[in-house]
Amino acid sequence: MIAVTGAASFPAFIARRLALLVLTMVLVPSLSFVMFTLIQGDITAPLDVLRALATYLSATFLHADFGSTSFQSETFRRTRGAFDVVQDGFLVDFYLLAGAIVLGVLVGLLAGAVQATRPRALISRALAVVTALALSSPVYWVGLMVLLLFAPGVGSIAEIPFLSTVGGYRAPSHDLLAFVRGIWLPALIVGTPLAAACARMSASQLLGTLHEDFVRTARGMGVGNRRVLWRYALPAAAGPVVALVGVNMNLILTNLALIESVFNIPGSFRYIERALTNRDVDLVQALVLEATFFIVLANFLADAVHAWLDPRVRTGEPN
C-alpha cells in the first residue's frame, strides 16, 4: 500500500510543480512590467496600471509581441524587435546553459565521489583547493585568463588546439565539430561555480551514505566497492546535489551573460547590460521573460529528479 501511494504521489507532485511553473512564468514578468511602468511615470493610477498590465500580458503570451520593433540611443541601436533578439539567441542560450548544468553536475559528482572515498589522498586535497578557487574566482576573469594564456593564436604560455576562442561559436546544424569546439570551454566556465558547490555537497552526502545500513549490506553480500559507490551510494546522495541546480540558477544566468560577452557568443543575454544602460524596457522585459523560463524550467526538472530519487520529497516527509 505504501509503494502504491508513493508511486501515485509522483504524478501529483509533478502536476503541482507544473502549476507553480506556469504561475511563476506569469507573475515575474508582471511584477517587472509594473515596476518599469511606475518608474517611467507615464501611468500611475492603479486601474490604468492594471489595464496596461492586461494589455502587456495579452500581447506577450498570446501574440509574442514585446513592444516596439526598434530602439535607438546615443550608444546603442537596435533595429529588430525585442522578440526577434531573444528568438535569435534563444537556442544559443539554451545550448550554453544546458552544457553548463550538465558539466557542472557531472564534474561536481565525480569530484565529490573522489573526496568522499579517498579523503586523505593528495588528489582530494588538490580538489578541495580547486573547489575553493572555483567558488571565489569571477567567471569573466577565468575566461579572460584562459584565453590570454592558452587560446590558439594568442596564448602566452601554450596554445591548446581544441580550445574555444573568441567568436568561435558555430551553429550545430552548420558544423557540429566547430560547435563543440566553440562551446565546451564557455559552458565549463559558466558551470564551474555549480561544479564546486556540487562537489562539496556530494562529498558531504556520500560520507554519510557510505555508512548507511543498505551500503553495508551490499558490501556484506560481496558487491565490489566501485559498484557499491556507483550503483547504491551515489544515487542515494545525488538528490540534494541535483537540487543545487535550482538554487544556483540566478548565478548561472549571470555568469552566462558575462561569458557570452567574453567569448562573443551570439546569445540573447549578452545584450542585458546595454539594454539596462539605455533603458530599453522592451528588450529588458523580453530577457526577463527568457530568464524566468530557464529558471522555472531548471527548478522544475531539478525538483522532479530529486523527487524521483527520494520519494520522501513528494510527500514532505522528513529525511
Protein backbone atom coordinates (compact mmCIF):
# COMPACT_ATOMS: atom_id res chain seq x y z
CA MET A 1 0.00 0.00 0.00
CA ILE A 2 2.83 2.35 0.82
CA ALA A 3 4.52 1.66 -2.50
CA VAL A 4 1.31 2.35 -4.44
CA THR A 5 0.75 5.59 -2.58
CA GLY A 6 4.34 6.71 -3.22
CA ALA A 7 4.02 5.88 -6.91
CA ALA A 8 0.69 7.70 -7.20
CA SER A 9 2.07 10.77 -5.47
CA PHE A 10 4.76 11.35 -8.11
CA PRO A 11 2.33 12.48 -10.88
CA ALA A 12 0.58 14.69 -8.32
CA PHE A 13 3.93 16.18 -7.33
CA ILE A 14 4.76 16.87 -10.99
CA ALA A 15 1.33 18.46 -11.54
CA ARG A 16 1.86 20.79 -8.57
CA ARG A 17 5.27 21.80 -9.85
CA LEU A 18 3.89 22.44 -13.35
CA ALA A 19 1.19 24.68 -11.92
CA LEU A 20 3.85 26.59 -9.97
CA LEU A 21 5.91 26.88 -13.18
CA VAL A 22 3.02 28.46 -15.09
CA LEU A 23 2.19 30.81 -12.21
CA THR A 24 5.80 31.97 -11.94
CA MET A 25 6.06 32.50 -15.70
CA VAL A 26 3.16 34.95 -15.46
CA LEU A 27 3.92 36.54 -12.09
CA VAL A 28 7.58 37.50 -12.55
CA PRO A 29 7.17 39.38 -15.88
CA SER A 30 4.04 41.02 -14.46
CA LEU A 31 5.93 42.37 -11.46
CA SER A 32 8.74 43.52 -13.73
CA PHE A 33 6.29 45.30 -16.05
CA VAL A 34 4.54 47.08 -13.16
CA MET A 35 7.91 48.17 -11.74
CA PHE A 36 9.12 49.62 -15.05
CA THR A 37 5.75 51.27 -15.66
CA LEU A 38 5.85 53.04 -12.31
CA ILE A 39 9.50 54.06 -12.79
CA GLN A 40 8.75 55.61 -16.17
CA GLY A 41 5.90 57.57 -14.60
CA ASP A 42 3.66 57.63 -17.69
CA ILE A 43 0.96 55.62 -15.90
CA THR A 44 0.46 55.88 -12.16
CA ALA A 45 -3.25 55.31 -11.45
CA PRO A 46 -3.80 51.73 -10.16
CA LEU A 47 -6.61 50.95 -12.64
CA ASP A 48 -4.59 52.29 -15.55
CA VAL A 49 -1.61 50.17 -14.48
CA LEU A 50 -3.83 47.09 -14.35
CA ARG A 51 -5.21 47.80 -17.81
CA ALA A 52 -1.70 48.29 -19.18
CA LEU A 53 -0.64 45.03 -17.48
CA ALA A 54 -3.54 43.14 -19.04
CA THR A 55 -2.61 44.52 -22.46
CA TYR A 56 1.03 43.56 -21.91
CA LEU A 57 0.20 40.00 -20.82
CA SER A 58 -2.13 39.52 -23.78
CA ALA A 59 0.46 40.83 -26.24
CA THR A 60 3.28 38.80 -24.68
CA PHE A 61 1.68 35.40 -24.17
CA LEU A 62 -0.92 35.42 -26.96
CA HIS A 63 0.87 37.32 -29.72
CA ALA A 64 4.60 37.11 -28.79
CA ASP A 65 4.80 40.90 -29.04
CA PHE A 66 7.22 42.53 -26.60
CA GLY A 67 6.79 46.08 -27.83
CA SER A 68 8.27 48.37 -30.44
CA THR A 69 10.32 46.93 -33.29
CA SER A 70 13.21 49.37 -32.97
CA PHE A 71 15.18 51.26 -30.37
CA GLN A 72 17.91 53.85 -30.69
CA SER A 73 20.06 55.82 -28.23
CA GLU A 74 23.38 57.62 -28.37
CA THR A 75 25.32 54.45 -27.53
CA PHE A 76 23.12 51.56 -28.66
CA ARG A 77 20.95 50.98 -31.70
CA ARG A 78 18.50 48.09 -32.08
CA THR A 79 16.56 47.79 -35.32
CA ARG A 80 14.99 44.40 -34.61
CA GLY A 81 12.07 43.76 -32.31
CA ALA A 82 12.80 42.58 -28.79
CA PHE A 83 11.15 39.23 -29.55
CA ASP A 84 13.41 38.79 -32.59
CA VAL A 85 16.53 39.45 -30.49
CA VAL A 86 15.51 36.82 -27.95
CA GLN A 87 14.36 34.38 -30.62
CA ASP A 88 17.67 34.60 -32.48
CA GLY A 89 19.73 33.95 -29.36
CA PHE A 90 17.43 31.55 -27.51
CA LEU A 91 18.92 28.29 -28.80
CA VAL A 92 22.45 29.58 -28.20
CA ASP A 93 21.50 30.44 -24.61
CA PHE A 94 19.89 27.02 -24.20
CA TYR A 95 22.92 25.13 -25.52
CA LEU A 96 25.30 27.05 -23.29
CA LEU A 97 23.05 26.79 -20.24
CA ALA A 98 22.39 23.06 -20.71
CA GLY A 99 26.10 22.37 -21.20
CA ALA A 100 26.99 24.36 -18.09
CA ILE A 101 24.47 22.49 -15.94
CA VAL A 102 25.37 19.03 -17.23
CA LEU A 103 29.12 19.63 -16.91
CA GLY A 104 28.72 21.29 -13.52
CA VAL A 105 26.70 18.43 -12.03
CA LEU A 106 28.82 15.63 -13.55
CA VAL A 107 32.16 17.20 -12.64
CA GLY A 108 30.86 18.01 -9.16
CA LEU A 109 29.62 14.47 -8.56
CA LEU A 110 32.89 12.95 -9.74
CA ALA A 111 34.99 15.31 -7.60
CA GLY A 112 32.76 14.69 -4.58
CA ALA A 113 32.99 10.92 -5.06
CA VAL A 114 36.80 11.10 -5.09
CA GLN A 115 36.87 13.28 -1.96
CA ALA A 116 34.44 11.00 -0.11
CA THR A 117 36.13 7.71 -0.97
CA ARG A 118 39.74 8.95 -0.66
CA PRO A 119 39.55 11.77 1.90
CA ARG A 120 43.26 11.70 2.86
CA ALA A 121 44.66 11.30 -0.65
CA LEU A 122 46.64 14.04 -2.33
CA ILE A 123 44.08 14.32 -5.15
CA SER A 124 41.32 15.02 -2.62
CA ARG A 125 43.33 17.83 -1.07
CA ALA A 126 44.03 19.24 -4.53
CA LEU A 127 40.33 19.07 -5.39
CA ALA A 128 39.49 20.94 -2.18
CA VAL A 129 41.86 23.75 -3.21
CA VAL A 130 40.45 23.86 -6.75
CA THR A 131 36.90 23.94 -5.34
CA ALA A 132 37.74 26.91 -3.12
CA LEU A 133 39.32 28.75 -6.06
CA ALA A 134 36.32 28.00 -8.28
CA LEU A 135 33.93 29.44 -5.72
CA SER A 136 35.95 32.63 -5.25
CA SER A 137 37.08 33.43 -8.82
CA PRO A 138 34.85 35.59 -11.07
CA VAL A 139 33.97 33.70 -14.23
CA TYR A 140 34.79 36.60 -16.55
CA TRP A 141 38.32 36.72 -15.07
CA VAL A 142 38.72 32.96 -15.52
CA GLY A 143 37.55 33.23 -19.13
CA LEU A 144 39.93 36.10 -19.93
CA MET A 145 42.91 34.36 -18.30
CA VAL A 146 42.27 31.11 -20.18
CA LEU A 147 42.02 32.97 -23.48
CA LEU A 148 45.14 35.07 -22.88
CA LEU A 149 47.22 32.15 -21.65
CA PHE A 150 46.08 29.19 -23.75
CA ALA A 151 43.88 30.23 -26.70
CA PRO A 152 45.10 29.32 -30.21
CA GLY A 153 46.88 32.26 -31.80
CA VAL A 154 47.17 34.37 -28.64
CA GLY A 155 48.19 32.02 -25.81
CA SER A 156 51.23 33.36 -23.99
CA ILE A 157 52.04 30.07 -22.20
CA ALA A 158 50.77 27.42 -24.61
CA GLU A 159 48.29 27.17 -27.46
CA ILE A 160 45.79 24.37 -26.94
CA PRO A 161 44.44 23.37 -30.39
CA PHE A 162 40.82 22.47 -29.48
CA LEU A 163 40.31 25.34 -27.04
CA SER A 164 37.31 27.62 -27.57
CA THR A 165 38.21 31.05 -28.92
CA VAL A 166 36.59 34.47 -29.16
CA GLY A 167 33.97 34.44 -31.90
CA GLY A 168 34.48 30.71 -32.46
CA TYR A 169 30.85 29.69 -31.92
CA ARG A 170 29.15 27.91 -34.82
CA ALA A 171 25.62 26.57 -35.01
CA PRO A 172 25.46 22.75 -34.66
CA SER A 173 23.46 22.50 -37.88
CA HIS A 174 26.35 24.09 -39.82
CA ASP A 175 29.38 22.39 -38.28
CA LEU A 176 28.93 20.06 -35.31
CA LEU A 177 32.64 19.76 -34.52
CA ALA A 178 33.10 23.55 -34.63
CA PHE A 179 30.02 23.88 -32.40
CA VAL A 180 31.54 21.57 -29.77
CA ARG A 181 34.87 23.37 -30.00
CA GLY A 182 33.25 26.78 -29.64
CA ILE A 183 31.01 25.99 -26.69
CA TRP A 184 32.67 23.42 -24.44
CA LEU A 185 35.01 25.83 -22.63
CA PRO A 186 32.43 28.62 -22.11
CA ALA A 187 29.96 26.01 -20.80
CA LEU A 188 32.59 24.60 -18.44
CA ILE A 189 33.49 28.07 -17.12
CA VAL A 190 29.83 29.01 -16.61
CA GLY A 191 29.26 25.72 -14.76
CA THR A 192 32.42 25.93 -12.62
CA PRO A 193 30.78 27.51 -9.53
CA LEU A 194 27.98 24.93 -9.78
CA ALA A 195 30.56 22.13 -10.06
CA ALA A 196 32.34 23.41 -6.95
CA ALA A 197 29.10 23.58 -4.97
CA CYS A 198 28.07 20.10 -6.18
CA ALA A 199 31.49 18.70 -5.26
CA ARG A 200 31.17 19.92 -1.67
CA MET A 201 27.58 18.74 -1.36
CA SER A 202 28.19 15.31 -2.91
CA ALA A 203 31.29 14.72 -0.77
CA SER A 204 29.32 15.57 2.37
CA GLN A 205 26.34 13.43 1.35
CA LEU A 206 28.47 10.46 0.33
CA LEU A 207 30.44 10.47 3.58
CA GLY A 208 27.16 9.79 5.36
CA THR A 209 25.63 7.50 2.76
CA LEU A 210 28.65 5.17 2.61
CA HIS A 211 27.98 4.25 6.25
CA GLU A 212 24.25 3.57 5.82
CA ASP A 213 22.87 0.09 6.53
CA PHE A 214 21.96 -0.67 2.90
CA VAL A 215 25.52 0.09 1.79
CA ARG A 216 26.99 -2.15 4.47
CA THR A 217 24.51 -4.86 3.47
CA ALA A 218 25.58 -4.64 -0.17
CA ARG A 219 29.22 -4.93 0.84
CA GLY A 220 28.39 -7.89 3.07
CA MET A 221 26.80 -9.63 0.09
CA GLY A 222 30.10 -9.38 -1.78
CA VAL A 223 29.35 -6.38 -4.01
CA GLY A 224 32.56 -4.61 -5.06
CA ASN A 225 33.41 -1.18 -3.70
CA ARG A 226 33.17 0.50 -7.10
CA ARG A 227 29.72 -0.93 -7.80
CA VAL A 228 28.56 -0.05 -4.29
CA LEU A 229 29.58 3.55 -4.93
CA TRP A 230 28.01 3.96 -8.39
CA ARG A 231 25.01 1.64 -8.03
CA TYR A 232 23.89 2.33 -4.45
CA ALA A 233 25.63 5.19 -2.64
CA LEU A 234 25.85 7.84 -5.36
CA PRO A 235 22.18 7.66 -6.49
CA ALA A 236 21.11 7.92 -2.84
CA ALA A 237 23.27 11.02 -2.33
CA ALA A 238 22.53 12.67 -5.69
CA GLY A 239 19.14 14.17 -4.81
CA PRO A 240 20.38 17.16 -2.77
CA VAL A 241 23.18 17.68 -5.31
CA VAL A 242 20.70 17.95 -8.19
CA ALA A 243 18.61 20.37 -6.11
CA LEU A 244 21.58 22.76 -6.15
CA VAL A 245 20.87 23.43 -9.84
CA GLY A 246 17.68 25.29 -9.00
CA VAL A 247 19.30 27.18 -6.13
CA ASN A 248 22.17 28.38 -8.34
CA MET A 249 20.21 29.30 -11.48
CA ASN A 250 20.38 33.06 -10.89
CA LEU A 251 24.17 32.87 -10.55
CA ILE A 252 24.44 30.60 -13.59
CA LEU A 253 22.47 33.02 -15.78
CA THR A 254 24.57 35.95 -14.58
CA ASN A 255 27.73 34.04 -15.44
CA LEU A 256 26.23 33.08 -18.79
CA ALA A 257 25.69 36.73 -19.71
CA LEU A 258 29.28 37.57 -18.77
CA ILE A 259 30.81 34.65 -20.67
CA GLU A 260 28.73 35.40 -23.77
CA SER A 261 30.37 38.82 -23.81
CA VAL A 262 33.89 37.49 -23.14
CA PHE A 263 33.73 34.85 -25.90
CA ASN A 264 31.47 36.90 -28.21
CA ILE A 265 28.84 34.15 -28.27
CA PRO A 266 25.66 35.26 -30.13
CA GLY A 267 23.23 34.62 -27.29
CA SER A 268 20.50 36.94 -26.05
CA PHE A 269 21.84 37.65 -22.57
CA ARG A 270 24.93 39.47 -23.84
CA TYR A 271 22.60 42.43 -24.54
CA ILE A 272 21.32 42.77 -20.97
CA GLU A 273 23.91 45.33 -19.84
CA ARG A 274 23.34 47.61 -22.85
CA ALA A 275 19.57 47.22 -22.56
CA LEU A 276 19.63 48.30 -18.91
CA THR A 277 22.07 51.15 -19.54
CA ASN A 278 19.95 52.54 -22.37
CA ARG A 279 16.60 51.88 -20.67
CA ASP A 280 15.46 49.63 -23.50
CA VAL A 281 12.47 48.42 -21.50
CA ASP A 282 11.06 46.16 -24.22
CA LEU A 283 14.29 44.20 -24.52
CA VAL A 284 14.76 44.05 -20.76
CA GLN A 285 11.24 42.65 -20.40
CA ALA A 286 11.92 40.06 -23.10
CA LEU A 287 15.16 38.99 -21.40
CA VAL A 288 13.42 38.84 -18.01
CA LEU A 289 10.83 36.50 -19.52
CA GLU A 290 13.53 34.29 -21.06
CA ALA A 291 15.48 34.17 -17.80
CA THR A 292 12.30 33.34 -15.88
CA PHE A 293 11.59 30.48 -18.28
CA PHE A 294 15.05 29.00 -17.80
CA ILE A 295 14.91 29.39 -14.01
CA VAL A 296 11.50 27.79 -13.54
CA LEU A 297 12.28 25.01 -16.04
CA ALA A 298 15.56 24.17 -14.30
CA ASN A 299 13.87 24.20 -10.90
CA PHE A 300 11.06 22.01 -12.21
CA LEU A 301 13.49 19.43 -13.65
CA ALA A 302 15.66 19.52 -10.51
CA ASP A 303 12.61 19.00 -8.28
CA ALA A 304 11.38 16.15 -10.50
CA VAL A 305 14.73 14.35 -10.43
CA HIS A 306 15.06 14.92 -6.67
CA ALA A 307 11.56 13.53 -6.07
CA TRP A 308 12.27 10.53 -8.30
CA LEU A 309 15.50 9.76 -6.41
CA ASP A 310 13.99 10.40 -2.96
CA PRO A 311 10.24 9.58 -2.57
CA ARG A 312 10.15 11.46 0.75
CA VAL A 313 10.35 14.74 -1.20
CA ARG A 314 6.97 14.04 -2.84
CA THR A 315 5.08 13.77 0.44
CA GLY A 316 7.10 16.24 2.50
CA GLU A 317 8.30 13.58 4.92
CA PRO A 318 11.39 14.47 6.97
CA ASN A 319 14.72 13.00 5.85
